[in-house]
Amino acid sequence: MSGYRWYFHHGEEGFNIGSLFCAPPYKRVQHIPVTPSILLDAAVEGKWPLNYPDHKLPEKRYDILVTRVLIVLFLGVVVYAAFA
């Protein structure tokens, strides 16, 4: 499965508030549905059978970074309010 690129086939689980500000990987590429024939080929060949189109993703997940920063800020406000 080392050749499998999840972001071509489905989005992420859960809610990523950072994706409102920075596009996550699955919003940067064209969706490719996983069909039963692709799954059969993968089982027969013993490897993921698709060759993906050329694409470039950022080296860092800025959407996740934004989410983490917002969580830290939110927790900081909550803690400050609790002890103020």
Protein backbone atom coordinates (compact mmCIF):
# COMPACT_ATOMS: atom_id res chain seq x y z
CA MET A 1 0.00 0.00 0.00
CA SER A 2 3.02 2.29 -0.12
CA GLY A 3 1.81 3.59 -3.48
CA TYR A 4 -1.65 4.48 -2.14
CA ARG A 5 -2.37 8.22 -1.99
CA TRP A 6 -5.38 8.63 0.29
CA TYR A 7 -6.05 12.25 -0.63
CA PHE A 8 -7.02 11.29 -4.19
CA HIS A 9 -9.78 9.00 -2.91
CA HIS A 10 -11.36 10.48 0.20
CA GLY A 11 -11.26 13.31 2.70
CA GLU A 12 -10.16 13.17 6.29
CA GLU A 13 -12.19 12.01 9.24
CA GLY A 14 -13.44 14.57 11.71
CA PHE A 15 -13.51 18.32 11.43
CA ASN A 16 -10.39 20.33 10.67
CA ILE A 17 -11.10 24.02 11.28
CA GLY A 18 -7.77 24.90 9.66
CA SER A 19 -9.15 23.67 6.34
CA LEU A 20 -11.32 26.80 6.29
CA PHE A 21 -8.11 28.83 5.90
CA CYS A 22 -5.69 26.47 4.10
CA ALA A 23 -6.70 23.73 1.67
CA PRO A 24 -5.95 20.20 2.88
CA PRO A 25 -4.43 17.66 0.46
CA TYR A 26 -7.74 16.15 -0.70
CA LYS A 27 -8.95 19.59 -1.82
CA ARG A 28 -5.82 20.14 -3.91
CA VAL A 29 -6.21 17.16 -6.26
CA GLN A 30 -8.96 15.74 -8.43
CA HIS A 31 -10.97 12.95 -6.78
CA ILE A 32 -10.48 9.41 -8.11
CA PRO A 33 -13.15 6.93 -6.97
CA VAL A 34 -12.03 3.51 -5.71
CA THR A 35 -13.95 0.93 -7.71
CA PRO A 36 -14.32 -2.81 -7.12
CA SER A 37 -12.10 -3.46 -10.15
CA ILE A 38 -9.30 -1.34 -8.64
CA LEU A 39 -9.60 -3.29 -5.39
CA LEU A 40 -9.55 -6.59 -7.31
CA ASP A 41 -6.44 -5.51 -9.24
CA ALA A 42 -4.76 -4.52 -5.96
CA ALA A 43 -5.54 -7.92 -4.45
CA VAL A 44 -4.34 -9.84 -7.52
CA GLU A 45 -1.17 -7.77 -8.06
CA GLY A 46 -0.33 -7.49 -4.38
CA LYS A 47 0.26 -3.74 -4.70
CA TRP A 48 -1.75 -0.60 -5.33
CA PRO A 49 -2.39 -0.56 -9.10
CA LEU A 50 -2.91 3.16 -9.77
CA ASN A 51 -0.44 5.63 -11.23
CA TYR A 52 -1.44 9.04 -9.96
CA PRO A 53 -1.23 12.23 -12.00
CA ASP A 54 1.65 14.57 -11.27
CA HIS A 55 0.85 16.77 -8.31
CA LYS A 56 2.63 18.89 -5.73
CA LEU A 57 1.55 19.26 -2.14
CA PRO A 58 3.06 21.65 0.38
CA GLU A 59 5.76 20.11 2.55
CA LYS A 60 3.84 21.08 5.69
CA ARG A 61 0.18 20.72 6.55
CA TYR A 62 -0.66 24.35 7.24
CA ASP A 63 -4.31 23.47 7.79
CA ILE A 64 -3.30 21.30 10.77
CA LEU A 65 -0.92 23.98 12.03
CA VAL A 66 -3.73 26.55 11.97
CA THR A 67 -6.02 24.13 13.82
CA ARG A 68 -3.39 23.54 16.52
CA VAL A 69 -2.74 27.25 16.96
CA LEU A 70 -6.46 27.93 17.32
CA ILE A 71 -6.81 25.15 19.89
CA VAL A 72 -3.89 26.50 21.94
CA LEU A 73 -5.35 30.02 21.80
CA PHE A 74 -8.76 28.74 22.83
CA LEU A 75 -7.33 26.74 25.72
CA GLY A 76 -5.29 29.76 26.78
CA VAL A 77 -8.42 31.90 26.92
CA VAL A 78 -10.28 29.23 28.90
CA VAL A 79 -7.45 28.84 31.41
CA TYR A 80 -7.04 32.61 31.72
CA ALA A 81 -10.78 33.04 32.28
CA ALA A 82 -10.80 30.28 34.90
CA PHE A 83 -8.04 31.89 36.96
CA ALA A 84 -8.82 35.57 36.37
